[in-house]
Amino acid sequence: MGTEIKLKGDKVIEQIPSVKDKALRINLNENIYGTFAEIGAGQETVRHFFRAGGSSGTIAKAMSAYDKDFSDAVYGIEPDGRYVTESRLKRMLNHEVNLIEQRLNREKHPNKMFFSYANTVATIDFAKQFKGHGWVGISYQIEPEEAYNEIILHIRFKETDVRLQQETLGILGVNLIYGAYYKYNDPKKLLRYLYDHLDKDQLEIDTINFSGPRFAEVDNRLMSLQLVKNGMTDAVMFNPQGKNVLPAAILYKKNILALRGSFRPVTKVNMDMYKKSLEMFIQENKVDEKNTLAIFEITLSNLRSDGEIDERDFMDRAELLCALGQTVMISNFQEYYKVVEYFSNYTKARMGLAMGVNNLIDIFDEKYYRHLSGGILEAFGKLFFRDMKVFLYPMVDENGEIETSLNLKVHPRMKELYKFFKFNGKVIDIENYDPDNLTVFSREVLKMISSGKTGWEPMLPDGIPEIIKAGNLFGYEPNNFLEEKN
């Protein structure tokens, strides 16, 4: 892999060092010294350092504990008996860091910045049904006596050849180690540089977490947003504690109820829709309440402001939803059928979508499916093929009439298609809704907050107005309210 040049028009904006040059620069830094532990795809990362030259100044040890019993003897036994997991990777990193600290005398190596790089990976199987995935990470120092920093990420292979996957993993490993030492002061750039000499068709990075003294100010949720923004993955997820979680880990074999919206801010309508649809969903056949996960999804297009993603605005929305105990997903899916397709990668269990009447009308708009050879019929085949149902929240129209699945107005060409899904039980009305919520609209609440008007608090769930005021979210300024009262 030679040096790459990035151009903007005719102007060179950046020269990307080759994989060999990156490994050589690490090797020639006399203070960077550590170990490599790679399981599942060969010693693909460390070989770049061996081949670059000068590796004796960098590599204290390289190992691959391939045999499971041998691996367990070295790193311990995982409670779930699995090997390609985040907990396994952390055991590997901790074990190797402890060893290097024990075996190398600090008095003899006063200026060494120790590191441990590790990966645990499953490449594509012989039947080529599962393309493979893995955990990759580095625990390292920037100063000799400093506490260790850590970067851990999860990858999914897209290539269908083991050798190609191995090569991709090796390049990624070099990019990670190089970025950890030379780009740590700009994590967003570090993230982009992970794809140097790689293409997004080769692998997906769907989770990343930074920790340690050098990353004390890093918000890992914002780093996850960058993954989606940069096209490195289709979706990222946060648990109710606001922490990054691996989508596959929490979606696996689950019954899923998804609610899409801008949630800017989350209102009583959103929460009433969630509660009432969840009550109906868990009564469905084949739905196990204990195995059910509700997800509040925000599409990337809903995060854009003037063509750019407003990261502060994103943080505000995510924090409010997490404060309500919800799981949040950020995706780049514009169409609903893509959301269902994504969930179908991880579960075959029954799914549901909760939405308002206006959203359902949009789904029946043909303009969203012109890029599909089969048009709207192809999209609906993907949307409903897994026994998926829509739980529909009513809306008040401009005449004050309540619109439900029985009287909503779709385009005349779509009437028969709509009837087919409606009368086959794919669209179910939420009937026990709170009628007071039908006059609550998030866009109106947002205008009231940003313009300094009073009276918006009762439209939001309990506790949310206090969070908005305490953090001055969504343009809230206390002085606006004082001036209005005076």
Protein backbone atom coordinates (compact mmCIF):
# COMPACT_ATOMS: atom_id res chain seq x y z
CA MET A 1 0.00 0.00 0.00
CA GLY A 2 1.76 3.17 -1.22
CA THR A 3 1.23 6.73 -0.13
CA GLU A 4 -2.25 8.04 -0.99
CA ILE A 5 -2.97 11.66 -1.93
CA LYS A 6 -6.30 13.31 -1.16
CA LEU A 7 -7.33 16.09 -3.52
CA LYS A 8 -9.84 18.92 -3.30
CA GLY A 9 -10.17 20.06 -6.89
CA ASP A 10 -6.59 20.33 -8.11
CA LYS A 11 -5.24 21.08 -4.64
CA VAL A 12 -3.49 18.44 -2.54
CA ILE A 13 -5.08 18.63 0.92
CA GLU A 14 -3.47 15.58 2.50
CA GLN A 15 -0.86 12.91 1.88
CA ILE A 16 -1.62 9.61 3.58
CA PRO A 17 1.47 7.62 4.53
CA SER A 18 1.61 4.04 3.31
CA VAL A 19 0.96 1.13 5.66
CA LYS A 20 4.70 0.36 5.61
CA ASP A 21 5.58 3.98 6.41
CA LYS A 22 3.16 4.00 9.34
CA ALA A 23 4.61 0.80 10.77
CA LEU A 24 8.16 2.07 10.19
CA ARG A 25 7.47 5.35 11.97
CA ILE A 26 6.22 3.41 14.99
CA ASN A 27 9.25 1.12 14.84
CA LEU A 28 11.68 4.05 14.66
CA ASN A 29 10.17 5.69 17.72
CA GLU A 30 12.51 4.29 20.35
CA ASN A 31 10.01 4.89 23.17
CA ILE A 32 7.04 2.94 21.77
CA TYR A 33 7.28 -0.65 22.96
CA GLY A 34 4.66 -3.33 23.43
CA THR A 35 2.97 -6.61 22.64
CA PHE A 36 0.67 -8.02 19.98
CA ALA A 37 -1.94 -10.68 20.77
CA GLU A 38 -4.04 -11.72 17.76
CA ILE A 39 -6.58 -14.54 17.69
CA GLY A 40 -8.65 -15.82 14.80
CA ALA A 41 -7.16 -14.37 11.60
CA GLY A 42 -3.42 -14.90 11.85
CA GLN A 43 -0.87 -12.39 13.06
CA GLU A 44 -1.86 -9.97 10.35
CA THR A 45 -1.14 -6.71 12.15
CA VAL A 46 2.22 -7.53 13.65
CA ARG A 47 3.60 -8.83 10.36
CA HIS A 48 3.50 -5.29 8.95
CA PHE A 49 5.79 -4.19 11.77
CA PHE A 50 8.14 -7.14 11.24
CA ARG A 51 8.38 -6.40 7.52
CA ALA A 52 8.81 -2.63 7.87
CA GLY A 53 12.20 -3.02 9.56
CA GLY A 54 13.46 -1.96 12.97
CA SER A 55 10.78 -4.00 14.70
CA SER A 56 13.05 -5.11 17.57
CA GLY A 57 12.63 -1.67 19.08
CA THR A 58 8.83 -1.96 19.06
CA ILE A 59 7.80 -5.57 19.51
CA ALA A 60 8.33 -7.06 22.95
CA LYS A 61 6.19 -10.10 22.11
CA ALA A 62 3.80 -11.36 19.46
CA MET A 63 1.47 -14.29 20.10
CA SER A 64 -1.64 -16.11 18.89
CA ALA A 65 -3.35 -18.38 21.42
CA TYR A 66 -5.44 -20.17 18.76
CA ASP A 67 -6.30 -23.30 20.68
CA LYS A 68 -9.32 -22.62 22.89
CA ASP A 69 -7.98 -24.54 25.87
CA PHE A 70 -4.64 -22.79 25.54
CA SER A 71 -6.41 -19.44 25.23
CA ASP A 72 -8.46 -20.15 28.34
CA ALA A 73 -5.30 -21.09 30.22
CA VAL A 74 -3.73 -17.75 29.28
CA TYR A 75 -6.67 -15.36 29.55
CA GLY A 76 -9.22 -17.24 31.65
CA ILE A 77 -12.62 -18.69 30.78
CA GLU A 78 -15.44 -16.42 29.65
CA PRO A 79 -18.72 -16.94 31.56
CA ASP A 80 -20.62 -17.35 28.28
CA GLY A 81 -17.97 -19.59 26.75
CA ARG A 82 -17.51 -17.30 23.75
CA TYR A 83 -14.24 -15.98 22.38
CA VAL A 84 -15.08 -13.19 19.93
CA THR A 85 -16.45 -10.77 22.50
CA GLU A 86 -15.59 -7.41 24.00
CA SER A 87 -14.98 -8.98 27.39
CA ARG A 88 -12.47 -11.39 25.81
CA LEU A 89 -10.64 -8.53 24.15
CA LYS A 90 -10.45 -6.62 27.44
CA ARG A 91 -9.10 -9.70 29.21
CA MET A 92 -6.42 -9.97 26.56
CA LEU A 93 -5.45 -6.30 26.81
CA ASN A 94 -5.39 -6.31 30.61
CA HIS A 95 -3.39 -9.52 30.76
CA GLU A 96 -0.77 -8.34 28.27
CA VAL A 97 -0.42 -4.89 29.86
CA ASN A 98 0.11 -6.48 33.28
CA LEU A 99 2.74 -8.81 31.85
CA ILE A 100 4.75 -6.07 30.19
CA GLU A 101 4.67 -4.00 33.38
CA GLN A 102 5.81 -7.02 35.42
CA ARG A 103 8.53 -8.21 33.09
CA LEU A 104 10.13 -4.96 31.99
CA ASN A 105 11.92 -2.96 34.65
CA ARG A 106 10.95 0.71 34.65
CA GLU A 107 14.40 1.65 35.88
CA LYS A 108 15.88 0.02 32.78
CA HIS A 109 13.18 1.48 30.50
CA PRO A 110 12.36 4.88 32.03
CA ASN A 111 11.19 6.46 28.78
CA LYS A 112 9.21 3.59 27.29
CA MET A 113 5.55 4.12 26.43
CA PHE A 114 4.12 0.63 26.73
CA PHE A 115 1.22 -0.67 24.67
CA SER A 116 -0.74 -3.82 24.09
CA TYR A 117 -2.58 -4.35 20.80
CA ALA A 118 -5.08 -7.20 20.58
CA ASN A 119 -7.80 -8.60 18.38
CA THR A 120 -10.14 -11.56 18.60
CA VAL A 121 -11.76 -12.32 15.28
CA ALA A 122 -13.96 -14.82 13.44
CA THR A 123 -13.42 -14.72 9.68
CA ILE A 124 -15.94 -15.93 7.10
CA ASP A 125 -17.14 -19.52 7.54
CA PHE A 126 -16.72 -22.24 4.90
CA ALA A 127 -20.38 -22.04 3.89
CA LYS A 128 -19.98 -18.25 3.47
CA GLN A 129 -23.20 -17.68 5.41
CA PHE A 130 -21.57 -15.53 8.09
CA LYS A 131 -19.02 -13.05 6.84
CA GLY A 132 -17.32 -12.72 10.19
CA HIS A 133 -16.68 -10.04 12.78
CA GLY A 134 -14.27 -9.16 15.53
CA TRP A 135 -13.12 -6.94 18.37
CA VAL A 136 -9.95 -4.87 17.98
CA GLY A 137 -8.28 -2.67 20.57
CA ILE A 138 -5.20 -1.02 21.97
CA SER A 139 -4.27 -0.13 25.53
CA TYR A 140 -1.34 2.30 25.57
CA GLN A 141 0.55 5.16 27.17
CA ILE A 142 1.41 8.58 25.77
CA GLU A 143 3.77 9.31 28.67
CA PRO A 144 5.86 6.63 30.46
CA GLU A 145 4.24 7.04 33.87
CA GLU A 146 0.78 7.92 32.60
CA ALA A 147 -2.27 5.73 33.14
CA TYR A 148 -3.24 3.66 30.10
CA ASN A 149 -5.57 4.94 27.40
CA GLU A 150 -7.82 2.53 25.54
CA ILE A 151 -9.49 2.42 22.14
CA ILE A 152 -11.81 -0.53 21.49
CA LEU A 153 -13.86 -1.11 18.35
CA HIS A 154 -16.05 -3.77 16.80
CA ILE A 155 -15.82 -4.61 13.12
CA ARG A 156 -17.86 -6.58 10.60
CA PHE A 157 -16.21 -7.98 7.51
CA LYS A 158 -17.87 -7.40 4.15
CA GLU A 159 -15.44 -9.31 1.95
CA THR A 160 -16.15 -12.94 1.12
CA ASP A 161 -12.60 -14.29 1.12
CA VAL A 162 -10.61 -15.22 4.23
CA ARG A 163 -7.31 -13.99 2.85
CA LEU A 164 -8.77 -10.61 1.96
CA GLN A 165 -10.33 -10.32 5.40
CA GLN A 166 -6.96 -11.09 6.99
CA GLU A 167 -5.26 -8.40 4.93
CA THR A 168 -7.98 -5.89 5.81
CA LEU A 169 -7.59 -6.65 9.50
CA GLY A 170 -3.83 -6.15 9.29
CA ILE A 171 -4.15 -2.73 7.66
CA LEU A 172 -6.82 -1.69 10.17
CA GLY A 173 -4.52 -2.71 13.04
CA VAL A 174 -1.64 -0.60 11.73
CA ASN A 175 -3.99 2.36 11.23
CA LEU A 176 -5.26 1.99 14.80
CA ILE A 177 -1.82 1.84 16.41
CA TYR A 178 -0.51 4.72 14.29
CA GLY A 179 -3.59 6.84 15.02
CA ALA A 180 -3.46 6.03 18.72
CA TYR A 181 0.01 7.56 18.98
CA TYR A 182 -0.05 10.31 16.38
CA LYS A 183 -3.71 11.38 16.13
CA TYR A 184 -4.95 10.92 19.72
CA ASN A 185 -5.43 14.67 20.15
CA ASP A 186 -8.13 14.67 17.44
CA PRO A 187 -10.33 11.55 17.86
CA LYS A 188 -12.58 12.49 14.94
CA LYS A 189 -9.63 12.46 12.57
CA LEU A 190 -8.29 9.32 14.20
CA LEU A 191 -11.61 7.68 13.38
CA ARG A 192 -11.43 8.67 9.70
CA TYR A 193 -7.81 7.55 9.43
CA LEU A 194 -8.82 4.02 10.43
CA TYR A 195 -9.95 3.63 6.81
CA ASP A 196 -6.64 4.72 5.27
CA HIS A 197 -5.91 2.29 2.39
CA LEU A 198 -9.24 0.61 3.07
CA ASP A 199 -12.68 0.91 1.51
CA LYS A 200 -16.02 0.90 3.29
CA ASP A 201 -16.95 -2.10 1.13
CA GLN A 202 -14.25 -4.06 2.96
CA LEU A 203 -15.35 -3.64 6.55
CA GLU A 204 -17.81 -1.88 8.82
CA ILE A 205 -16.97 -0.33 12.18
CA ASP A 206 -20.20 -0.30 14.19
CA THR A 207 -18.99 0.45 17.72
CA ILE A 208 -16.06 2.41 19.14
CA ASN A 209 -15.18 3.53 22.65
CA PHE A 210 -12.35 5.74 23.87
CA SER A 211 -11.24 5.82 27.52
CA GLY A 212 -8.29 6.92 29.64
CA PRO A 213 -6.70 10.26 30.58
CA ARG A 214 -6.14 11.43 27.00
CA PHE A 215 -9.79 10.84 26.16
CA ALA A 216 -11.36 12.15 29.36
CA GLU A 217 -13.27 14.81 27.39
CA VAL A 218 -14.35 12.51 24.57
CA ASP A 219 -18.08 11.74 24.37
CA ASN A 220 -18.31 8.26 22.90
CA ARG A 221 -21.83 8.90 21.68
CA LEU A 222 -20.49 11.67 19.46
CA MET A 223 -17.83 9.31 18.20
CA SER A 224 -20.60 6.85 17.34
CA LEU A 225 -22.40 9.61 15.48
CA GLN A 226 -19.23 10.09 13.43
CA LEU A 227 -19.36 6.40 12.44
CA VAL A 228 -22.78 6.94 10.88
CA LYS A 229 -21.91 10.36 9.48
CA ASN A 230 -18.77 9.01 7.79
CA GLY A 231 -20.60 6.02 6.32
CA MET A 232 -18.63 3.52 8.41
CA THR A 233 -21.83 1.90 9.66
CA ASP A 234 -25.58 2.17 9.09
CA ALA A 235 -26.65 2.53 12.71
CA VAL A 236 -25.35 2.93 16.25
CA MET A 237 -27.14 2.44 19.55
CA PHE A 238 -27.06 3.79 23.11
CA ASN A 239 -28.50 2.13 26.18
CA PRO A 240 -30.61 4.00 28.78
CA GLN A 241 -27.38 4.82 30.66
CA GLY A 242 -26.21 6.73 27.58
CA LYS A 243 -23.42 4.25 26.77
CA ASN A 244 -22.50 2.89 23.35
CA VAL A 245 -23.74 -0.66 22.87
CA LEU A 246 -23.14 -3.16 20.08
CA PRO A 247 -26.40 -3.42 18.08
CA ALA A 248 -25.98 -7.15 17.50
CA ALA A 249 -25.65 -7.76 21.23
CA ILE A 250 -28.96 -6.20 22.21
CA LEU A 251 -31.02 -6.92 19.06
CA TYR A 252 -30.19 -10.62 18.81
CA LYS A 253 -33.42 -12.69 18.61
CA LYS A 254 -35.45 -9.88 20.20
CA ASN A 255 -39.02 -8.82 19.59
CA ILE A 256 -38.51 -5.20 18.50
CA LEU A 257 -40.86 -2.24 18.66
CA ALA A 258 -39.41 0.84 16.95
CA LEU A 259 -40.51 4.47 17.10
CA ARG A 260 -39.03 6.90 14.59
CA GLY A 261 -39.01 10.64 15.10
CA SER A 262 -36.97 13.79 15.44
CA PHE A 263 -37.73 13.94 19.20
CA ARG A 264 -36.80 17.61 19.15
CA PRO A 265 -37.79 17.58 21.94
CA VAL A 266 -39.47 14.36 23.06
CA THR A 267 -43.10 15.14 23.95
CA LYS A 268 -46.00 13.52 25.77
CA VAL A 269 -47.28 12.40 22.36
CA ASN A 270 -44.13 10.37 21.79
CA MET A 271 -44.31 8.75 25.19
CA ASP A 272 -48.05 8.03 24.96
CA MET A 273 -47.47 6.45 21.54
CA TYR A 274 -44.66 4.37 23.00
CA LYS A 275 -46.57 3.17 26.06
CA LYS A 276 -49.84 2.38 24.28
CA SER A 277 -48.18 0.66 21.31
CA LEU A 278 -45.98 -1.40 23.64
CA GLU A 279 -49.04 -2.55 25.58
CA MET A 280 -50.62 -3.71 22.31
CA PHE A 281 -47.41 -5.20 20.93
CA ILE A 282 -46.76 -7.49 23.88
CA GLN A 283 -50.31 -8.87 23.53
CA GLU A 284 -49.50 -10.04 20.01
CA ASN A 285 -48.97 -13.70 19.27
CA LYS A 286 -45.27 -14.74 19.23
CA VAL A 287 -44.26 -11.71 21.33
CA ASP A 288 -42.53 -12.38 24.64
CA GLU A 289 -42.63 -9.35 26.93
CA LYS A 290 -39.35 -10.34 28.61
CA ASN A 291 -37.68 -10.61 25.23
CA THR A 292 -39.03 -7.32 23.87
CA LEU A 293 -36.95 -4.23 23.18
CA ALA A 294 -38.38 -0.78 22.38
CA ILE A 295 -36.12 1.49 20.35
CA PHE A 296 -36.40 5.23 19.70
CA GLU A 297 -34.80 5.81 16.31
CA ILE A 298 -33.52 9.12 14.91
CA THR A 299 -32.47 9.18 11.27
CA LEU A 300 -29.35 11.08 10.29
CA SER A 301 -31.41 13.33 8.02
CA ASN A 302 -33.26 14.51 11.12
CA LEU A 303 -29.97 15.56 12.69
CA ARG A 304 -29.00 17.92 9.90
CA SER A 305 -29.16 21.67 10.19
CA ASP A 306 -28.29 23.71 7.08
CA GLY A 307 -26.79 20.62 5.51
CA GLU A 308 -24.52 19.84 8.44
CA ILE A 309 -25.08 17.70 11.50
CA ASP A 310 -25.67 19.81 14.60
CA GLU A 311 -23.85 17.67 17.14
CA ARG A 312 -25.01 19.64 20.16
CA ASP A 313 -28.60 19.23 19.03
CA PHE A 314 -28.03 15.49 18.66
CA MET A 315 -26.65 15.28 22.18
CA ASP A 316 -29.66 17.11 23.57
CA ARG A 317 -32.13 14.70 22.02
CA ALA A 318 -30.19 11.57 22.97
CA GLU A 319 -29.77 12.71 26.57
CA LEU A 320 -33.49 13.41 27.00
CA LEU A 321 -34.51 10.01 25.62
CA CYS A 322 -31.92 8.22 27.75
CA ALA A 323 -33.13 10.18 30.79
CA LEU A 324 -36.55 8.61 30.14
CA GLY A 325 -34.95 5.16 30.28
CA GLN A 326 -35.07 4.54 26.54
CA THR A 327 -32.74 2.81 24.10
CA VAL A 328 -31.74 5.14 21.26
CA MET A 329 -30.67 4.29 17.72
CA ILE A 330 -29.11 6.73 15.25
CA SER A 331 -29.28 5.54 11.64
CA ASN A 332 -28.77 6.71 8.08
CA PHE A 333 -32.00 5.00 6.94
CA GLN A 334 -34.42 7.34 5.22
CA GLU A 335 -37.06 4.72 4.47
CA TYR A 336 -38.86 2.58 7.02
CA TYR A 337 -38.29 -0.65 5.10
CA LYS A 338 -34.53 -0.21 5.56
CA VAL A 339 -35.02 -0.04 9.33
CA VAL A 340 -36.92 -3.35 9.24
CA GLU A 341 -34.26 -4.89 6.98
CA TYR A 342 -31.56 -3.83 9.44
CA PHE A 343 -33.35 -5.37 12.41
CA SER A 344 -33.89 -8.55 10.35
CA ASN A 345 -30.12 -9.05 10.27
CA TYR A 346 -30.26 -9.81 13.99
CA THR A 347 -33.70 -11.24 14.70
CA LYS A 348 -36.41 -13.31 13.06
CA ALA A 349 -38.87 -12.56 15.87
CA ARG A 350 -41.95 -10.41 15.37
CA MET A 351 -41.42 -6.66 14.96
CA GLY A 352 -43.63 -3.60 15.21
CA LEU A 353 -43.47 0.05 14.19
CA ALA A 354 -45.31 2.76 16.11
CA MET A 355 -46.03 5.93 14.16
CA GLY A 356 -48.44 8.77 13.61
CA VAL A 357 -50.94 9.04 10.76
CA ASN A 358 -48.81 11.58 8.90
CA ASN A 359 -45.87 9.17 8.88
CA LEU A 360 -48.00 6.35 7.48
CA ILE A 361 -49.27 8.63 4.71
CA ASP A 362 -45.63 9.41 3.83
CA ILE A 363 -44.86 5.70 3.59
CA PHE A 364 -47.45 5.43 0.83
CA ASP A 365 -45.81 8.20 -1.19
CA GLU A 366 -44.25 6.70 -4.34
CA LYS A 367 -41.53 9.36 -4.63
CA TYR A 368 -39.51 7.66 -1.86
CA TYR A 369 -39.13 4.45 -3.87
CA ARG A 370 -38.15 5.61 -7.37
CA HIS A 371 -34.63 4.24 -6.84
CA LEU A 372 -36.03 0.71 -6.46
CA SER A 373 -36.57 -1.35 -9.61
CA GLY A 374 -39.76 -2.72 -8.07
CA GLY A 375 -40.86 0.68 -6.75
CA ILE A 376 -43.24 0.86 -3.83
CA LEU A 377 -44.24 -2.81 -4.15
CA GLU A 378 -40.65 -3.90 -3.58
CA ALA A 379 -40.38 -1.60 -0.57
CA PHE A 380 -43.59 -2.90 0.96
CA GLY A 381 -42.53 -6.48 0.37
CA LYS A 382 -39.41 -5.76 2.44
CA LEU A 383 -41.36 -3.79 5.03
CA PHE A 384 -44.03 -6.36 5.83
CA PHE A 385 -42.51 -9.70 4.85
CA ARG A 386 -41.52 -10.63 8.41
CA ASP A 387 -45.01 -10.41 9.84
CA MET A 388 -44.39 -6.81 10.87
CA LYS A 389 -47.27 -4.62 12.09
CA VAL A 390 -47.83 -0.87 12.32
CA PHE A 391 -49.40 0.58 15.46
CA LEU A 392 -51.00 3.83 14.37
CA TYR A 393 -51.44 6.90 16.56
CA PRO A 394 -54.28 9.23 15.42
CA MET A 395 -53.94 12.82 14.30
CA VAL A 396 -56.20 15.89 14.21
CA ASP A 397 -56.49 17.30 10.67
CA GLU A 398 -56.90 20.95 9.66
CA ASN A 399 -60.67 20.66 10.08
CA GLY A 400 -60.43 19.35 13.63
CA GLU A 401 -61.36 15.82 12.58
CA ILE A 402 -59.51 12.85 14.08
CA GLU A 403 -57.73 10.82 11.41
CA THR A 404 -57.20 7.09 11.96
CA SER A 405 -56.45 4.13 9.72
CA LEU A 406 -60.13 4.13 8.67
CA ASN A 407 -60.28 7.64 7.20
CA LEU A 408 -56.73 8.74 6.44
CA LYS A 409 -56.14 10.04 2.93
CA VAL A 410 -53.50 8.43 0.76
CA HIS A 411 -52.91 9.18 -2.93
CA PRO A 412 -55.73 7.75 -5.11
CA ARG A 413 -53.27 5.39 -6.84
CA MET A 414 -52.32 3.96 -3.44
CA LYS A 415 -55.84 3.37 -2.08
CA GLU A 416 -56.10 -0.29 -3.08
CA LEU A 417 -52.58 -1.05 -1.87
CA TYR A 418 -53.36 0.62 1.45
CA LYS A 419 -56.61 -1.33 1.80
CA PHE A 420 -54.75 -4.58 1.21
CA PHE A 421 -52.40 -3.97 4.16
CA LYS A 422 -55.05 -2.41 6.37
CA PHE A 423 -57.59 -5.20 5.99
CA ASN A 424 -54.98 -7.90 6.33
CA GLY A 425 -54.25 -6.71 9.85
CA LYS A 426 -50.94 -5.00 9.12
CA VAL A 427 -52.11 -1.59 10.38
CA ILE A 428 -53.70 -1.41 13.83
CA ASP A 429 -55.11 1.73 15.44
CA ILE A 430 -54.02 2.79 18.92
CA GLU A 431 -57.42 3.43 20.46
CA ASN A 432 -56.81 4.12 24.16
CA TYR A 433 -54.73 7.24 23.50
CA ASP A 434 -54.82 10.45 25.52
CA PRO A 435 -56.91 12.94 23.44
CA ASP A 436 -55.16 15.90 25.09
CA ASN A 437 -51.97 14.91 23.27
CA LEU A 438 -53.44 15.36 19.80
CA THR A 439 -52.81 19.09 19.95
CA VAL A 440 -49.15 18.71 20.97
CA PHE A 441 -46.58 19.11 18.19
CA SER A 442 -42.84 19.04 18.83
CA ARG A 443 -42.13 21.73 16.24
CA GLU A 444 -44.49 24.11 18.06
CA VAL A 445 -42.92 23.23 21.42
CA LEU A 446 -39.49 23.92 19.93
CA LYS A 447 -40.59 27.34 18.68
CA MET A 448 -41.96 28.20 22.11
CA ILE A 449 -38.73 27.17 23.84
CA SER A 450 -36.41 29.03 21.46
CA SER A 451 -38.54 32.18 21.26
CA GLY A 452 -38.97 32.54 25.01
CA LYS A 453 -42.70 31.79 25.22
CA THR A 454 -44.15 30.16 28.32
CA GLY A 455 -46.54 27.22 28.65
CA TRP A 456 -44.56 24.50 26.86
CA GLU A 457 -43.63 22.54 29.99
CA PRO A 458 -46.94 20.62 30.36
CA MET A 459 -46.51 19.26 26.83
CA LEU A 460 -43.38 17.32 27.78
CA PRO A 461 -42.88 14.22 29.95
CA ASP A 462 -42.19 14.72 33.64
CA GLY A 463 -38.63 15.78 34.36
CA ILE A 464 -37.80 16.81 30.79
CA PRO A 465 -38.55 20.55 31.16
CA GLU A 466 -36.16 20.70 34.11
CA ILE A 467 -33.37 19.09 32.07
CA ILE A 468 -33.98 21.50 29.18
CA LYS A 469 -33.83 24.51 31.50
CA ALA A 470 -30.81 23.29 33.44
CA GLY A 471 -28.84 22.71 30.24
CA ASN A 472 -30.27 25.60 28.19
CA LEU A 473 -31.21 23.08 25.51
CA PHE A 474 -32.90 23.85 22.19
CA GLY A 475 -32.15 27.58 22.44
CA TYR A 476 -33.71 27.99 25.88
CA GLU A 477 -32.60 31.24 27.54
CA PRO A 478 -33.92 32.12 31.01
CA ASN A 479 -33.63 35.87 30.27
CA ASN A 480 -36.26 35.57 27.54
CA PHE A 481 -38.81 34.48 30.11
CA LEU A 482 -37.82 37.18 32.58
CA GLU A 483 -38.27 39.87 29.93
CA GLU A 484 -41.69 38.50 28.95
CA LYS A 485 -42.86 38.48 32.58
CA ASN A 486 -41.61 42.03 33.12
